[in-house]
Structures are given as C-alpha cells and as structure tokens.
Amino acid sequence: MGMGSKLYAIQSIALAVGIIIVFNLFVNFGVRTFYAPLKYEQFCEEGKAARAYSERQSCEGVGGFWYEPGANPHGSPYPARPVAVGEKYEPQGWCDPNYQCNKNFQNSSELYNRNVFIVLIIAGVSALAIGLFIKAATAVATGFIFGGVVSLIVGTIRYWSDMQEYLRFIILGIALVILILVGCRRLKSA
C-alpha cells in the first residue's frame, strides 16, 4: 500500500467519523432548538419544599402527599418521616409538598422522551437510507450509515426505561431487520 493510498484511507476514516459526529450533533441540537427540554421548575414551584406543612390539609392544598405515621403507601423502606442523625424517632405525619408536581414532571418527561425517540429514530433510519443510496463516496456513505446507527442507539437509550416490554421487543426486532438489510445491501455491492 503506497503513501497516497494510506493518506486516502486516513482521510476517508476522518470524513466518516466527522459525518457520524456532526450528523448526530445536528439532529440532537435541532431537537433541542425546536422542542425545548422540560425544566423541573416548570412543574414545581421553587421554595415550596422549604415551607413547613404540619397538617394534611395544608399539604394536600399545595399538591403534596401527607404521609401518616408508620404508613408507607409507596413501598419505601424509609420511616414515615425523615429522622435527623441522633434524633429519637417519634412517629408523626410529614408532607412531601412536591409529590403531585413530581408526578406531573415524570409524566411529561416520559411523553417528551417518547417524542424525541421518534424524531431520533426517523433521523437514524433516514441516515441509513441515505448511506445505502450513496455509491460514489464510500466514506460519506459509511458516515451516514454509522451516524444513523448512533442516532438509533441514542434514541432508544433515551426512551428505554419508559418503554413497554412489547415495544422494546418490537424496536429491537425492527433494528435487527434494518441492520441485516443494510449489511446485505452494502456487502453485496462491495
């Protein structure tokens, strides 16, 4: 292999890596620009947790959840009220004033992550398709194929914990079929 062909191979790898990185930055910053991420402060008022809520009515009035002495409705291994180090534990109720806004934030985050997942999957599949149809520039095609795979991985990881089991199975099956088709098409034409 001559010096010119080594230089060409290095340039091709650099171009492919550049396309992988820039494609994914472009897609992710595009999502962030046109579909702003959620902020916790949009759901939970700052300073609400610093106020004292000594009874159920005042707690529930701000969307909180009142924990009764000894009751543990959420399966938490902790006592009904946080206890300071060295403090003798005396059962009494306590308030989680951010309970409802936390639930709202989690529900909205799940929807947001699902929508971003859809955008990233569409971008990834589009990049794979572009990579398959580019014949003249192998480095560009490789960059788009790998960029699409990275986009599929990032989108799936982002939504994975919120995804239903059957949807995980379907997504993995579709990804496997796409990768097999890409591999067969690219390796057949090589």
C-alpha atoms as a PDB file:
ATOM      1  CA  MET A   1       0.000   0.000   0.000  1.00  0.00           C
ATOM      2  CA  GLY A   2       1.560   3.266  -1.130  1.00  0.00           C
ATOM      3  CA  MET A   3       1.735   6.500   0.829  1.00  0.00           C
ATOM      4  CA  GLY A   4      -1.051   8.023  -1.273  1.00  0.00           C
ATOM      5  CA  SER A   5      -3.460   5.180  -0.583  1.00  0.00           C
ATOM      6  CA  LYS A   6      -2.671   5.289   3.173  1.00  0.00           C
ATOM      7  CA  LEU A   7      -3.378   9.016   3.199  1.00  0.00           C
ATOM      8  CA  TYR A   8      -6.631   8.431   1.294  1.00  0.00           C
ATOM      9  CA  ALA A   9      -7.695   5.747   3.816  1.00  0.00           C
ATOM     10  CA  ILE A  10      -6.972   8.076   6.753  1.00  0.00           C
ATOM     11  CA  GLN A  11      -8.876  10.910   5.091  1.00  0.00           C
ATOM     12  CA  SER A  12     -11.819   8.597   4.401  1.00  0.00           C
ATOM     13  CA  ILE A  13     -11.936   7.464   8.045  1.00  0.00           C
ATOM     14  CA  ALA A  14     -11.708  11.062   9.265  1.00  0.00           C
ATOM     15  CA  LEU A  15     -14.526  12.108   6.936  1.00  0.00           C
ATOM     16  CA  ALA A  16     -16.743   9.206   8.032  1.00  0.00           C
ATOM     17  CA  VAL A  17     -16.121   9.935  11.733  1.00  0.00           C
ATOM     18  CA  GLY A  18     -16.811  13.632  11.116  1.00  0.00           C
ATOM     19  CA  ILE A  19     -20.132  12.828   9.440  1.00  0.00           C
ATOM     20  CA  ILE A  20     -21.115  10.490  12.291  1.00  0.00           C
ATOM     21  CA  ILE A  21     -20.433  13.160  14.914  1.00  0.00           C
ATOM     22  CA  VAL A  22     -21.808  16.183  13.056  1.00  0.00           C
ATOM     23  CA  PHE A  23     -24.943  14.345  11.892  1.00  0.00           C
ATOM     24  CA  ASN A  24     -25.828  13.366  15.454  1.00  0.00           C
ATOM     25  CA  LEU A  25     -24.995  16.801  16.864  1.00  0.00           C
ATOM     26  CA  PHE A  26     -27.118  18.369  14.126  1.00  0.00           C
ATOM     27  CA  VAL A  27     -30.121  16.152  14.869  1.00  0.00           C
ATOM     28  CA  ASN A  28     -29.865  16.459  18.664  1.00  0.00           C
ATOM     29  CA  PHE A  29     -29.323  20.218  18.673  1.00  0.00           C
ATOM     30  CA  GLY A  30     -32.169  20.560  16.173  1.00  0.00           C
ATOM     31  CA  VAL A  31     -34.457  18.693  18.565  1.00  0.00           C
ATOM     32  CA  ARG A  32     -33.247  20.830  21.474  1.00  0.00           C
ATOM     33  CA  THR A  33     -33.724  24.049  19.480  1.00  0.00           C
ATOM     34  CA  PHE A  34     -37.209  23.361  18.178  1.00  0.00           C
ATOM     35  CA  TYR A  35     -38.505  21.166  21.016  1.00  0.00           C
ATOM     36  CA  ALA A  36     -37.040  22.575  24.210  1.00  0.00           C
ATOM     37  CA  PRO A  37     -36.292  20.119  27.016  1.00  0.00           C
ATOM     38  CA  LEU A  38     -38.504  20.224  30.080  1.00  0.00           C
ATOM     39  CA  LYS A  39     -37.323  22.016  33.190  1.00  0.00           C
ATOM     40  CA  TYR A  40     -38.261  20.891  36.673  1.00  0.00           C
ATOM     41  CA  GLU A  41     -39.076  24.490  37.628  1.00  0.00           C
ATOM     42  CA  GLN A  42     -41.879  24.497  35.043  1.00  0.00           C
ATOM     43  CA  PHE A  43     -43.695  21.948  37.196  1.00  0.00           C
ATOM     44  CA  CYS A  44     -42.558  22.509  40.777  1.00  0.00           C
ATOM     45  CA  GLU A  45     -42.522  25.934  42.349  1.00  0.00           C
ATOM     46  CA  GLU A  46     -39.143  26.809  43.785  1.00  0.00           C
ATOM     47  CA  GLY A  47     -39.126  27.066  47.577  1.00  0.00           C
ATOM     48  CA  LYS A  48     -42.341  25.108  48.096  1.00  0.00           C
ATOM     49  CA  ALA A  49     -40.441  22.310  49.837  1.00  0.00           C
ATOM     50  CA  ALA A  50     -38.803  24.775  52.236  1.00  0.00           C
ATOM     51  CA  ARG A  51     -42.142  25.759  53.756  1.00  0.00           C
ATOM     52  CA  ALA A  52     -43.478  23.869  56.772  1.00  0.00           C
ATOM     53  CA  TYR A  53     -46.635  21.818  56.333  1.00  0.00           C
ATOM     54  CA  SER A  54     -47.705  20.456  59.667  1.00  0.00           C
ATOM     55  CA  GLU A  55     -51.107  19.092  58.724  1.00  0.00           C
ATOM     56  CA  ARG A  56     -52.706  17.087  55.948  1.00  0.00           C
ATOM     57  CA  GLN A  57     -54.947  19.897  54.597  1.00  0.00           C
ATOM     58  CA  SER A  58     -52.154  22.409  54.063  1.00  0.00           C
ATOM     59  CA  CYS A  59     -50.002  19.695  52.475  1.00  0.00           C
ATOM     60  CA  GLU A  60     -52.652  18.436  50.085  1.00  0.00           C
ATOM     61  CA  GLY A  61     -53.678  22.035  49.329  1.00  0.00           C
ATOM     62  CA  VAL A  62     -50.348  22.591  47.539  1.00  0.00           C
ATOM     63  CA  GLY A  63     -50.462  19.251  45.700  1.00  0.00           C
ATOM     64  CA  GLY A  64     -48.444  17.405  48.304  1.00  0.00           C
ATOM     65  CA  PHE A  65     -48.813  13.944  49.742  1.00  0.00           C
ATOM     66  CA  TRP A  66     -49.292  13.527  53.504  1.00  0.00           C
ATOM     67  CA  TYR A  67     -47.516  10.521  54.995  1.00  0.00           C
ATOM     68  CA  GLU A  68     -49.232   9.144  58.071  1.00  0.00           C
ATOM     69  CA  PRO A  69     -47.189   7.808  60.989  1.00  0.00           C
ATOM     70  CA  GLY A  70     -45.998   4.297  60.168  1.00  0.00           C
ATOM     71  CA  ALA A  71     -47.849   4.257  56.842  1.00  0.00           C
ATOM     72  CA  ASN A  72     -45.794   3.548  53.797  1.00  0.00           C
ATOM     73  CA  PRO A  73     -48.067   3.663  50.726  1.00  0.00           C
ATOM     74  CA  HIS A  74     -45.300   3.802  48.113  1.00  0.00           C
ATOM     75  CA  GLY A  75     -43.344   0.807  49.333  1.00  0.00           C
ATOM     76  CA  SER A  76     -40.420   2.905  50.514  1.00  0.00           C
ATOM     77  CA  PRO A  77     -38.179   1.286  53.135  1.00  0.00           C
ATOM     78  CA  TYR A  78     -37.920   4.596  54.997  1.00  0.00           C
ATOM     79  CA  PRO A  79     -39.967   5.634  58.042  1.00  0.00           C
ATOM     80  CA  ALA A  80     -42.986   7.887  57.676  1.00  0.00           C
ATOM     81  CA  ARG A  81     -40.903  10.956  58.494  1.00  0.00           C
ATOM     82  CA  PRO A  82     -37.214  11.603  57.813  1.00  0.00           C
ATOM     83  CA  VAL A  83     -35.209  11.425  61.038  1.00  0.00           C
ATOM     84  CA  ALA A  84     -32.103  13.520  61.713  1.00  0.00           C
ATOM     85  CA  VAL A  85     -28.971  11.705  62.872  1.00  0.00           C
ATOM     86  CA  GLY A  86     -29.091  11.176  66.617  1.00  0.00           C
ATOM     87  CA  GLU A  87     -32.760  12.203  66.812  1.00  0.00           C
ATOM     88  CA  LYS A  88     -35.147   9.919  68.611  1.00  0.00           C
ATOM     89  CA  TYR A  89     -37.844   8.784  66.215  1.00  0.00           C
ATOM     90  CA  GLU A  90     -41.333   9.794  67.244  1.00  0.00           C
ATOM     91  CA  PRO A  91     -43.964   8.830  64.699  1.00  0.00           C
ATOM     92  CA  GLN A  92     -45.748  11.812  63.213  1.00  0.00           C
ATOM     93  CA  GLY A  93     -47.039  12.685  59.775  1.00  0.00           C
ATOM     94  CA  TRP A  94     -45.000  14.640  57.299  1.00  0.00           C
ATOM     95  CA  CYS A  95     -45.551  16.242  53.926  1.00  0.00           C
ATOM     96  CA  ASP A  96     -43.944  15.778  50.525  1.00  0.00           C
ATOM     97  CA  PRO A  97     -45.109  19.098  49.010  1.00  0.00           C
ATOM     98  CA  ASN A  98     -43.689  18.281  45.568  1.00  0.00           C
ATOM     99  CA  TYR A  99     -45.484  14.946  45.228  1.00  0.00           C
ATOM    100  CA  GLN A 100     -48.025  15.958  42.551  1.00  0.00           C
ATOM    101  CA  CYS A 101     -45.689  18.247  40.612  1.00  0.00           C
ATOM    102  CA  ASN A 102     -43.053  15.462  40.607  1.00  0.00           C
ATOM    103  CA  LYS A 103     -45.646  13.069  39.143  1.00  0.00           C
ATOM    104  CA  ASN A 104     -46.617  15.668  36.521  1.00  0.00           C
ATOM    105  CA  PHE A 105     -42.957  16.254  35.666  1.00  0.00           C
ATOM    106  CA  GLN A 106     -42.306  12.498  35.337  1.00  0.00           C
ATOM    107  CA  ASN A 107     -45.371  12.001  33.115  1.00  0.00           C
ATOM    108  CA  SER A 108     -44.417  14.949  30.898  1.00  0.00           C
ATOM    109  CA  SER A 109     -40.800  13.765  30.744  1.00  0.00           C
ATOM    110  CA  GLU A 110     -41.956  10.346  29.564  1.00  0.00           C
ATOM    111  CA  LEU A 111     -44.012  11.952  26.773  1.00  0.00           C
ATOM    112  CA  TYR A 112     -41.121  14.285  25.848  1.00  0.00           C
ATOM    113  CA  ASN A 113     -38.636  11.387  25.715  1.00  0.00           C
ATOM    114  CA  ARG A 114     -41.044   9.367  23.563  1.00  0.00           C
ATOM    115  CA  ASN A 115     -41.364  12.235  21.090  1.00  0.00           C
ATOM    116  CA  VAL A 116     -37.589  12.756  20.961  1.00  0.00           C
ATOM    117  CA  PHE A 117     -37.196   8.994  20.497  1.00  0.00           C
ATOM    118  CA  ILE A 118     -39.493   9.134  17.452  1.00  0.00           C
ATOM    119  CA  VAL A 119     -37.526  12.029  15.923  1.00  0.00           C
ATOM    120  CA  LEU A 120     -34.176  10.301  16.508  1.00  0.00           C
ATOM    121  CA  ILE A 121     -35.452   7.013  15.066  1.00  0.00           C
ATOM    122  CA  ILE A 122     -36.744   8.779  11.943  1.00  0.00           C
ATOM    123  CA  ALA A 123     -33.416  10.617  11.585  1.00  0.00           C
ATOM    124  CA  GLY A 124     -31.469   7.393  12.099  1.00  0.00           C
ATOM    125  CA  VAL A 125     -33.453   5.414   9.542  1.00  0.00           C
ATOM    126  CA  SER A 126     -33.186   8.337   7.088  1.00  0.00           C
ATOM    127  CA  ALA A 127     -29.407   8.454   7.536  1.00  0.00           C
ATOM    128  CA  LEU A 128     -29.197   4.684   6.980  1.00  0.00           C
ATOM    129  CA  ALA A 129     -31.219   5.051   3.776  1.00  0.00           C
ATOM    130  CA  ILE A 130     -29.028   7.917   2.553  1.00  0.00           C
ATOM    131  CA  GLY A 131     -25.938   5.853   3.299  1.00  0.00           C
ATOM    132  CA  LEU A 132     -27.320   2.937   1.310  1.00  0.00           C
ATOM    133  CA  PHE A 133     -28.027   5.004  -1.787  1.00  0.00           C
ATOM    134  CA  ILE A 134     -24.716   6.857  -1.943  1.00  0.00           C
ATOM    135  CA  LYS A 135     -22.482   4.836  -4.228  1.00  0.00           C
ATOM    136  CA  ALA A 136     -19.776   7.273  -5.356  1.00  0.00           C
ATOM    137  CA  ALA A 137     -18.281   8.273  -1.982  1.00  0.00           C
ATOM    138  CA  THR A 138     -17.758   5.306   0.316  1.00  0.00           C
ATOM    139  CA  ALA A 139     -16.591   7.457   3.245  1.00  0.00           C
ATOM    140  CA  VAL A 140     -19.730   9.610   3.063  1.00  0.00           C
ATOM    141  CA  ALA A 141     -21.969   6.529   2.834  1.00  0.00           C
ATOM    142  CA  THR A 142     -20.173   4.939   5.789  1.00  0.00           C
ATOM    143  CA  GLY A 143     -20.515   8.145   7.809  1.00  0.00           C
ATOM    144  CA  PHE A 144     -24.256   8.270   7.200  1.00  0.00           C
ATOM    145  CA  ILE A 145     -24.740   4.577   7.970  1.00  0.00           C
ATOM    146  CA  PHE A 146     -22.844   4.795  11.253  1.00  0.00           C
ATOM    147  CA  GLY A 147     -24.458   8.165  12.029  1.00  0.00           C
ATOM    148  CA  GLY A 148     -27.849   6.539  11.586  1.00  0.00           C
ATOM    149  CA  VAL A 149     -26.902   3.641  13.844  1.00  0.00           C
ATOM    150  CA  VAL A 150     -25.710   6.066  16.552  1.00  0.00           C
ATOM    151  CA  SER A 151     -28.955   8.024  16.256  1.00  0.00           C
ATOM    152  CA  LEU A 152     -30.966   4.806  16.652  1.00  0.00           C
ATOM    153  CA  ILE A 153     -28.933   3.864  19.732  1.00  0.00           C
ATOM    154  CA  VAL A 154     -29.223   7.302  21.364  1.00  0.00           C
ATOM    155  CA  GLY A 155     -32.966   7.494  20.712  1.00  0.00           C
ATOM    156  CA  THR A 156     -33.584   4.020  22.087  1.00  0.00           C
ATOM    157  CA  ILE A 157     -31.454   4.543  25.197  1.00  0.00           C
ATOM    158  CA  ARG A 158     -33.218   7.836  25.894  1.00  0.00           C
ATOM    159  CA  TYR A 159     -36.667   6.224  25.950  1.00  0.00           C
ATOM    160  CA  TRP A 160     -35.743   2.673  27.014  1.00  0.00           C
ATOM    161  CA  SER A 161     -36.683   2.962  30.700  1.00  0.00           C
ATOM    162  CA  ASP A 162     -40.138   4.366  29.860  1.00  0.00           C
ATOM    163  CA  MET A 163     -40.813   1.888  27.052  1.00  0.00           C
ATOM    164  CA  GLN A 164     -43.209  -1.040  27.457  1.00  0.00           C
ATOM    165  CA  GLU A 165     -41.684  -4.549  27.203  1.00  0.00           C
ATOM    166  CA  TYR A 166     -43.539  -5.406  23.990  1.00  0.00           C
ATOM    167  CA  LEU A 167     -42.357  -2.135  22.406  1.00  0.00           C
ATOM    168  CA  ARG A 168     -38.750  -2.929  23.362  1.00  0.00           C
ATOM    169  CA  PHE A 169     -39.107  -6.292  21.640  1.00  0.00           C
ATOM    170  CA  ILE A 170     -40.607  -4.714  18.510  1.00  0.00           C
ATOM    171  CA  ILE A 171     -37.960  -1.947  18.356  1.00  0.00           C
ATOM    172  CA  LEU A 172     -35.134  -4.469  18.728  1.00  0.00           C
ATOM    173  CA  GLY A 173     -36.686  -6.668  16.015  1.00  0.00           C
ATOM    174  CA  ILE A 174     -37.032  -3.743  13.614  1.00  0.00           C
ATOM    175  CA  ALA A 175     -33.465  -2.603  14.355  1.00  0.00           C
ATOM    176  CA  LEU A 176     -32.164  -6.118  13.694  1.00  0.00           C
ATOM    177  CA  VAL A 177     -34.014  -6.347  10.374  1.00  0.00           C
ATOM    178  CA  ILE A 178     -32.753  -2.904   9.294  1.00  0.00           C
ATOM    179  CA  LEU A 179     -29.162  -3.771  10.186  1.00  0.00           C
ATOM    180  CA  ILE A 180     -29.377  -7.096   8.329  1.00  0.00           C
ATOM    181  CA  LEU A 181     -30.799  -5.365   5.247  1.00  0.00           C
ATOM    182  CA  VAL A 182     -28.135  -2.641   5.401  1.00  0.00           C
ATOM    183  CA  GLY A 183     -25.420  -5.245   5.820  1.00  0.00           C
ATOM    184  CA  CYS A 184     -26.660  -7.419   2.965  1.00  0.00           C
ATOM    185  CA  ARG A 185     -27.044  -4.478   0.617  1.00  0.00           C
ATOM    186  CA  ARG A 186     -23.690  -2.860   1.438  1.00  0.00           C
ATOM    187  CA  LEU A 187     -21.683  -6.081   1.479  1.00  0.00           C
ATOM    188  CA  LYS A 188     -23.343  -7.382  -1.709  1.00  0.00           C
ATOM    189  CA  SER A 189     -22.369  -4.217  -3.587  1.00  0.00           C
ATOM    190  CA  ALA A 190     -18.796  -4.234  -2.257  1.00  0.00           C
END
